[in-house]
């Protein structure tokens, strides 16, 4: 299972969006870890969807994890995903997806 050591609340955030978006594929990666390039690509794409959802939920004042604005978690999310991708050996994929977001 992917574990977030510095910011464990990121697990709650991702679990929320995995469940809300009914992403069993991402749930499987989350439970087993990132073991392939395809896993890394899917997971990174999902993270960018989470970022978009955090912003849209904030704008619509939807309550997620007891708050209507979780944008303050974005730096924590970036740190934890960067760390996970480095540990899994797929940081280059995270960087590639980051380049496409700018």
N, C-alpha and C. Protein backbone atom coordinates (compact mmCIF):
# COMPACT_ATOMS: atom_id res chain seq x y z
N UNK A 1 0.85 -1.19 0.00
CA UNK A 1 0.00 0.00 0.00
C UNK A 1 0.89 1.24 0.00
N UNK A 2 0.47 2.21 -0.77
CA UNK A 2 1.19 3.48 -0.78
C UNK A 2 0.95 4.16 0.56
N UNK A 3 2.05 4.58 1.18
CA UNK A 3 1.94 5.26 2.47
C UNK A 3 2.57 6.63 2.39
N UNK A 4 1.93 7.56 3.04
CA UNK A 4 2.40 8.93 3.05
C UNK A 4 2.92 9.22 4.46
N UNK A 5 4.21 9.41 4.57
CA UNK A 5 4.84 9.50 5.88
C UNK A 5 4.83 10.90 6.48
N UNK A 6 5.14 11.90 5.70
CA UNK A 6 5.20 13.25 6.25
C UNK A 6 3.80 13.84 6.41
N UNK A 7 2.94 13.59 5.42
CA UNK A 7 1.59 14.16 5.44
C UNK A 7 0.55 13.04 5.29
N UNK A 8 0.29 12.31 6.37
CA UNK A 8 -0.63 11.17 6.27
C UNK A 8 -2.05 11.54 5.88
N UNK A 9 -2.45 12.80 6.06
CA UNK A 9 -3.80 13.21 5.67
C UNK A 9 -4.01 13.13 4.16
N UNK A 10 -2.93 13.03 3.40
CA UNK A 10 -3.05 12.88 1.95
C UNK A 10 -3.71 11.54 1.62
N UNK A 11 -3.51 10.54 2.44
CA UNK A 11 -4.17 9.25 2.22
C UNK A 11 -5.69 9.42 2.29
N UNK A 12 -6.17 10.16 3.27
CA UNK A 12 -7.61 10.40 3.39
C UNK A 12 -8.14 11.12 2.16
N UNK A 13 -7.39 12.10 1.69
CA UNK A 13 -7.80 12.88 0.52
C UNK A 13 -7.90 11.98 -0.71
N UNK A 14 -6.87 11.18 -0.96
CA UNK A 14 -6.89 10.31 -2.13
C UNK A 14 -7.96 9.24 -2.02
N UNK A 15 -8.12 8.67 -0.84
CA UNK A 15 -9.15 7.66 -0.65
C UNK A 15 -10.54 8.24 -0.93
N UNK A 16 -10.74 9.48 -0.52
CA UNK A 16 -12.02 10.15 -0.79
C UNK A 16 -12.28 10.22 -2.29
N UNK A 17 -11.31 10.70 -3.05
CA UNK A 17 -11.52 10.88 -4.48
C UNK A 17 -11.52 9.55 -5.24
N UNK A 18 -10.77 8.57 -4.78
CA UNK A 18 -10.83 7.24 -5.39
C UNK A 18 -12.24 6.69 -5.26
N UNK A 19 -12.81 6.82 -4.08
CA UNK A 19 -14.17 6.32 -3.85
C UNK A 19 -15.20 7.16 -4.60
N UNK A 20 -15.08 8.48 -4.51
CA UNK A 20 -16.05 9.37 -5.15
C UNK A 20 -16.09 9.17 -6.66
N UNK A 21 -14.93 9.00 -7.26
CA UNK A 21 -14.84 8.86 -8.72
C UNK A 21 -14.97 7.40 -9.17
N UNK A 22 -15.13 6.50 -8.19
CA UNK A 22 -15.28 5.07 -8.49
C UNK A 22 -14.14 4.56 -9.36
N UNK A 23 -12.93 4.83 -8.92
CA UNK A 23 -11.73 4.45 -9.67
C UNK A 23 -11.09 3.22 -9.05
N UNK A 24 -11.67 2.07 -9.34
CA UNK A 24 -11.14 0.81 -8.83
C UNK A 24 -9.71 0.58 -9.31
N UNK A 25 -9.41 1.01 -10.54
CA UNK A 25 -8.06 0.83 -11.07
C UNK A 25 -7.04 1.59 -10.22
N UNK A 26 -7.38 2.80 -9.84
CA UNK A 26 -6.48 3.60 -8.99
C UNK A 26 -6.45 3.01 -7.58
N UNK A 27 -7.59 2.53 -7.10
CA UNK A 27 -7.63 1.88 -5.80
C UNK A 27 -6.70 0.69 -5.75
N UNK A 28 -6.66 -0.08 -6.83
CA UNK A 28 -5.75 -1.24 -6.89
C UNK A 28 -4.29 -0.80 -6.84
N UNK A 29 -3.95 0.24 -7.59
CA UNK A 29 -2.58 0.76 -7.56
C UNK A 29 -2.25 1.28 -6.17
N UNK A 30 -3.19 2.00 -5.57
CA UNK A 30 -3.01 2.56 -4.24
C UNK A 30 -2.73 1.44 -3.22
N UNK A 31 -3.45 0.33 -3.35
CA UNK A 31 -3.28 -0.79 -2.41
C UNK A 31 -2.00 -1.57 -2.66
N UNK A 32 -1.63 -1.77 -3.95
CA UNK A 32 -0.47 -2.60 -4.24
C UNK A 32 0.83 -1.85 -4.46
N UNK A 33 0.71 -0.55 -4.68
CA UNK A 33 1.90 0.24 -4.95
C UNK A 33 2.12 0.41 -6.44
N UNK A 34 2.98 1.32 -6.78
CA UNK A 34 3.29 1.62 -8.17
C UNK A 34 4.43 0.72 -8.60
N UNK A 35 4.11 -0.23 -9.49
CA UNK A 35 5.11 -1.23 -9.86
C UNK A 35 5.46 -1.22 -11.34
N UNK A 36 4.68 -0.51 -12.14
CA UNK A 36 4.96 -0.45 -13.58
C UNK A 36 4.86 0.99 -14.07
N UNK A 37 5.38 1.20 -15.26
CA UNK A 37 5.29 2.52 -15.86
C UNK A 37 3.82 2.89 -16.10
N UNK A 38 3.01 1.91 -16.51
CA UNK A 38 1.59 2.17 -16.73
C UNK A 38 0.91 2.60 -15.43
N UNK A 39 1.24 1.91 -14.33
CA UNK A 39 0.70 2.30 -13.02
C UNK A 39 1.05 3.75 -12.72
N UNK A 40 2.30 4.09 -12.95
CA UNK A 40 2.77 5.46 -12.66
C UNK A 40 2.02 6.48 -13.51
N UNK A 41 1.83 6.18 -14.79
CA UNK A 41 1.13 7.10 -15.67
C UNK A 41 -0.33 7.28 -15.24
N UNK A 42 -1.00 6.17 -14.93
CA UNK A 42 -2.40 6.25 -14.48
C UNK A 42 -2.51 7.02 -13.16
N UNK A 43 -1.61 6.71 -12.24
CA UNK A 43 -1.66 7.35 -10.93
C UNK A 43 -1.38 8.85 -11.04
N UNK A 44 -0.40 9.23 -11.83
CA UNK A 44 -0.09 10.65 -12.00
C UNK A 44 -1.26 11.39 -12.65
N UNK A 45 -1.86 10.78 -13.65
CA UNK A 45 -3.02 11.42 -14.30
C UNK A 45 -4.15 11.59 -13.29
N UNK A 46 -4.35 10.58 -12.44
CA UNK A 46 -5.38 10.68 -11.42
C UNK A 46 -5.07 11.82 -10.44
N UNK A 47 -3.83 11.96 -10.07
CA UNK A 47 -3.45 13.03 -9.13
C UNK A 47 -3.81 14.39 -9.72
N UNK A 48 -3.60 14.59 -11.02
CA UNK A 48 -3.97 15.87 -11.63
C UNK A 48 -5.48 16.05 -11.63
N UNK A 49 -6.21 14.95 -11.77
CA UNK A 49 -7.68 15.04 -11.65
C UNK A 49 -8.08 15.42 -10.23
N UNK A 50 -7.36 14.89 -9.25
CA UNK A 50 -7.61 15.25 -7.85
C UNK A 50 -7.38 16.75 -7.65
N UNK A 51 -6.31 17.26 -8.21
CA UNK A 51 -6.01 18.69 -8.09
C UNK A 51 -7.17 19.51 -8.66
N UNK A 52 -7.64 19.12 -9.84
CA UNK A 52 -8.78 19.82 -10.45
C UNK A 52 -10.03 19.72 -9.57
N UNK A 53 -10.25 18.53 -9.00
CA UNK A 53 -11.42 18.35 -8.14
C UNK A 53 -11.32 19.16 -6.85
N UNK A 54 -10.14 19.27 -6.30
CA UNK A 54 -9.95 20.08 -5.10
C UNK A 54 -10.35 21.52 -5.39
N UNK A 55 -9.91 22.02 -6.54
CA UNK A 55 -10.26 23.40 -6.91
C UNK A 55 -11.75 23.55 -7.17
N UNK A 56 -12.34 22.63 -7.92
CA UNK A 56 -13.78 22.75 -8.22
C UNK A 56 -14.62 22.56 -6.97
N UNK A 57 -14.21 21.66 -6.08
CA UNK A 57 -14.95 21.48 -4.83
C UNK A 57 -14.86 22.74 -3.97
N UNK A 58 -13.71 23.39 -3.99
CA UNK A 58 -13.55 24.63 -3.24
C UNK A 58 -14.44 25.73 -3.82
N UNK A 59 -14.45 25.85 -5.14
CA UNK A 59 -15.26 26.89 -5.78
C UNK A 59 -16.76 26.68 -5.55
N UNK A 60 -17.18 25.41 -5.51
CA UNK A 60 -18.61 25.12 -5.30
C UNK A 60 -18.95 24.97 -3.82
N UNK A 61 -17.94 25.15 -2.97
CA UNK A 61 -18.09 25.04 -1.51
C UNK A 61 -18.62 23.66 -1.09
N UNK A 62 -18.19 22.63 -1.82
CA UNK A 62 -18.53 21.26 -1.44
C UNK A 62 -17.68 20.84 -0.25
N UNK A 63 -18.28 20.17 0.69
CA UNK A 63 -17.56 19.73 1.88
C UNK A 63 -16.84 18.42 1.58
N UNK A 64 -15.52 18.44 1.72
CA UNK A 64 -14.69 17.26 1.54
C UNK A 64 -13.80 17.16 2.77
N UNK A 65 -13.88 16.04 3.45
CA UNK A 65 -13.10 15.82 4.67
C UNK A 65 -13.34 16.92 5.70
N UNK A 66 -14.58 17.38 5.76
CA UNK A 66 -14.96 18.37 6.76
C UNK A 66 -14.62 19.81 6.42
N UNK A 67 -14.14 20.04 5.19
CA UNK A 67 -13.75 21.40 4.81
C UNK A 67 -14.28 21.74 3.42
N UNK A 68 -14.59 23.01 3.22
CA UNK A 68 -15.02 23.45 1.89
C UNK A 68 -13.84 23.96 1.05
N UNK A 69 -12.65 24.00 1.64
CA UNK A 69 -11.47 24.45 0.91
C UNK A 69 -10.26 23.63 1.34
N UNK A 70 -9.89 22.68 0.50
CA UNK A 70 -8.72 21.84 0.78
C UNK A 70 -7.52 22.22 -0.07
N UNK A 71 -7.54 23.42 -0.64
CA UNK A 71 -6.42 23.84 -1.47
C UNK A 71 -5.12 23.95 -0.66
N UNK A 72 -5.25 24.11 0.65
CA UNK A 72 -4.04 24.17 1.47
C UNK A 72 -3.31 22.84 1.51
N UNK A 73 -3.95 21.75 1.05
CA UNK A 73 -3.30 20.44 1.01
C UNK A 73 -2.47 20.24 -0.26
N UNK A 74 -2.60 21.13 -1.23
CA UNK A 74 -1.91 20.93 -2.51
C UNK A 74 -0.38 20.82 -2.37
N UNK A 75 0.28 21.66 -1.58
CA UNK A 75 1.73 21.48 -1.42
C UNK A 75 2.07 20.13 -0.77
N UNK A 76 1.26 19.69 0.18
CA UNK A 76 1.48 18.39 0.82
C UNK A 76 1.32 17.27 -0.19
N UNK A 77 0.30 17.39 -1.03
CA UNK A 77 0.06 16.39 -2.08
C UNK A 77 1.25 16.34 -3.03
N UNK A 78 1.72 17.48 -3.46
CA UNK A 78 2.86 17.54 -4.38
C UNK A 78 4.10 16.88 -3.75
N UNK A 79 4.35 17.19 -2.49
CA UNK A 79 5.50 16.59 -1.81
C UNK A 79 5.38 15.07 -1.77
N UNK A 80 4.23 14.58 -1.32
CA UNK A 80 4.05 13.14 -1.15
C UNK A 80 4.10 12.39 -2.48
N UNK A 81 3.50 12.95 -3.52
CA UNK A 81 3.52 12.26 -4.82
C UNK A 81 4.94 12.28 -5.39
N UNK A 82 5.63 13.39 -5.26
CA UNK A 82 7.02 13.45 -5.71
C UNK A 82 7.86 12.39 -4.99
N UNK A 83 7.67 12.28 -3.70
CA UNK A 83 8.41 11.29 -2.91
C UNK A 83 8.08 9.87 -3.36
N UNK A 84 6.79 9.58 -3.56
CA UNK A 84 6.37 8.25 -3.99
C UNK A 84 6.96 7.90 -5.35
N UNK A 85 6.91 8.83 -6.26
CA UNK A 85 7.42 8.58 -7.61
C UNK A 85 8.93 8.35 -7.59
N UNK A 86 9.64 9.09 -6.76
CA UNK A 86 11.09 8.88 -6.63
C UNK A 86 11.37 7.49 -6.07
N UNK A 87 10.65 7.11 -5.02
CA UNK A 87 10.86 5.80 -4.40
C UNK A 87 10.53 4.65 -5.35
N UNK A 88 9.51 4.85 -6.18
CA UNK A 88 9.10 3.80 -7.11
C UNK A 88 9.98 3.78 -8.36
N UNK A 89 10.78 4.83 -8.56
CA UNK A 89 11.65 4.89 -9.72
C UNK A 89 10.98 5.49 -10.95
N UNK A 90 9.87 6.19 -10.73
CA UNK A 90 9.12 6.77 -11.86
C UNK A 90 8.95 8.28 -11.74
N UNK A 91 9.91 8.92 -11.11
CA UNK A 91 9.81 10.37 -10.95
C UNK A 91 9.78 11.08 -12.30
N UNK A 92 10.47 10.51 -13.28
CA UNK A 92 10.47 11.11 -14.62
C UNK A 92 9.06 11.18 -15.21
N UNK A 93 8.20 10.24 -14.85
CA UNK A 93 6.81 10.28 -15.33
C UNK A 93 6.06 11.41 -14.64
N UNK A 94 6.29 11.58 -13.35
CA UNK A 94 5.66 12.69 -12.63
C UNK A 94 6.11 14.02 -13.24
N UNK A 95 7.40 14.14 -13.52
CA UNK A 95 7.91 15.37 -14.13
C UNK A 95 7.29 15.60 -15.51
N UNK A 96 7.13 14.52 -16.28
CA UNK A 96 6.54 14.64 -17.61
C UNK A 96 5.09 15.12 -17.52
N UNK A 97 4.33 14.59 -16.57
CA UNK A 97 2.93 15.02 -16.42
C UNK A 97 2.87 16.45 -15.89
N UNK A 98 3.83 16.81 -15.07
CA UNK A 98 3.89 18.18 -14.55
C UNK A 98 4.11 19.16 -15.69
N UNK A 99 4.99 18.80 -16.62
CA UNK A 99 5.26 19.66 -17.77
C UNK A 99 4.01 19.89 -18.61
N UNK A 100 3.15 18.88 -18.68
CA UNK A 100 1.93 19.00 -19.48
C UNK A 100 0.87 19.85 -18.78
N UNK A 101 1.01 20.08 -17.49
CA UNK A 101 0.03 20.86 -16.74
C UNK A 101 0.31 22.36 -16.81
N UNK A 102 1.51 22.73 -17.16
CA UNK A 102 1.88 24.15 -17.17
C UNK A 102 1.44 24.84 -18.42
